[in-house]
Protein backbone atom coordinates (compact mmCIF):
# COMPACT_ATOMS: atom_id res chain seq x y z
CA UNK A 1 -0.01 0.03 0.00
CA UNK A 2 2.80 2.44 0.92
CA UNK A 3 4.47 2.03 -2.46
CA UNK A 4 1.24 2.43 -4.34
CA UNK A 5 0.54 5.70 -2.62
CA UNK A 6 3.90 7.28 -2.22
CA UNK A 7 6.46 5.76 -4.62
CA UNK A 8 5.06 6.91 -7.99
CA UNK A 9 6.55 10.40 -8.20
CA UNK A 10 9.48 11.08 -10.52
CA UNK A 11 12.70 12.40 -9.05
CA UNK A 12 12.09 15.89 -10.40
CA UNK A 13 8.87 17.64 -11.26
CA UNK A 14 8.34 20.97 -12.94
CA UNK A 15 5.03 22.28 -14.37
CA UNK A 16 4.29 25.36 -16.44
CA UNK A 17 1.28 26.58 -14.61
CA UNK A 18 0.27 29.12 -17.29
CA UNK A 19 0.16 26.50 -19.94
CA UNK A 20 -0.77 23.51 -17.79
CA UNK A 21 -2.73 24.77 -14.71
CA UNK A 22 -3.87 21.17 -13.93
CA UNK A 23 -0.18 20.09 -13.65
CA UNK A 24 -0.59 17.10 -15.97
CA UNK A 25 2.57 17.44 -18.07
CA UNK A 26 5.92 17.28 -16.22
CA UNK A 27 8.38 19.49 -18.14
CA UNK A 28 11.41 18.75 -15.96
CA UNK A 29 13.05 16.82 -18.81
CA UNK A 30 12.27 19.47 -21.44
CA UNK A 31 15.46 21.35 -22.50
CA UNK A 32 13.39 24.53 -22.86
CA UNK A 33 12.95 24.56 -19.10
CA UNK A 34 16.50 23.47 -18.09
CA UNK A 35 17.56 26.91 -16.79
CA UNK A 36 14.39 27.24 -14.72
CA UNK A 37 14.81 23.74 -13.28
CA UNK A 38 18.40 24.36 -12.39
CA UNK A 39 17.62 27.67 -10.67
CA UNK A 40 14.72 26.32 -8.71
CA UNK A 41 16.72 23.23 -7.71
CA UNK A 42 19.54 25.40 -6.37
CA UNK A 43 17.00 27.55 -4.42
CA UNK A 44 15.45 24.44 -2.96
CA UNK A 45 18.79 22.95 -1.92
CA UNK A 46 19.77 26.20 -0.14
CA UNK A 47 16.45 26.34 1.70
CA UNK A 48 16.57 22.64 2.72
CA UNK A 49 20.16 23.06 3.97
CA UNK A 50 19.34 26.30 5.90
CA UNK A 51 16.38 24.61 7.65
CA UNK A 52 18.16 21.36 8.50
CA UNK A 53 16.04 19.18 6.27
CA UNK A 54 17.14 15.48 6.41
CA UNK A 55 17.32 15.27 2.64
CA UNK A 56 20.29 17.68 2.72
CA UNK A 57 21.88 17.22 6.11
CA UNK A 58 21.41 13.43 6.57
CA UNK A 59 18.76 11.04 7.83
CA UNK A 60 16.51 11.12 4.74
CA UNK A 61 16.53 7.31 4.43
CA UNK A 62 14.99 6.90 7.86
CA UNK A 63 12.63 9.85 7.53
CA UNK A 64 11.33 9.59 3.97
CA UNK A 65 12.17 6.18 2.45
CA UNK A 66 10.65 3.74 5.01
CA UNK A 67 6.95 3.39 5.83
CA UNK A 68 6.20 5.02 9.18
CA UNK A 69 4.80 1.79 10.67
CA UNK A 70 8.04 -0.24 10.27
CA UNK A 71 10.04 1.53 12.89
CA UNK A 72 11.20 0.14 16.23
CA UNK A 73 8.31 1.80 18.12
CA UNK A 74 5.48 0.00 19.92
CA UNK A 75 3.19 -2.31 17.97
CA UNK A 76 -0.45 -1.34 18.02
CA UNK A 77 -3.48 -3.55 18.06
CA UNK A 78 -1.99 -6.31 20.22
């Protein structure tokens, strides 16, 4: 269930909201948008680093890549 819900997104997404307000066509791989993608990616990296986000400072595997119910915490329903 976790993979069906959370694992379908591509590694990068970029949408032209003026031309595609419903965000149906990912333009991240389109060379016409390469400069915008690079600029936005750099801005995001700076923000994630500044705020201590695990994707930039470490710990992303534990935080984002494992289903929340597989940790070492208590088991529920027993």
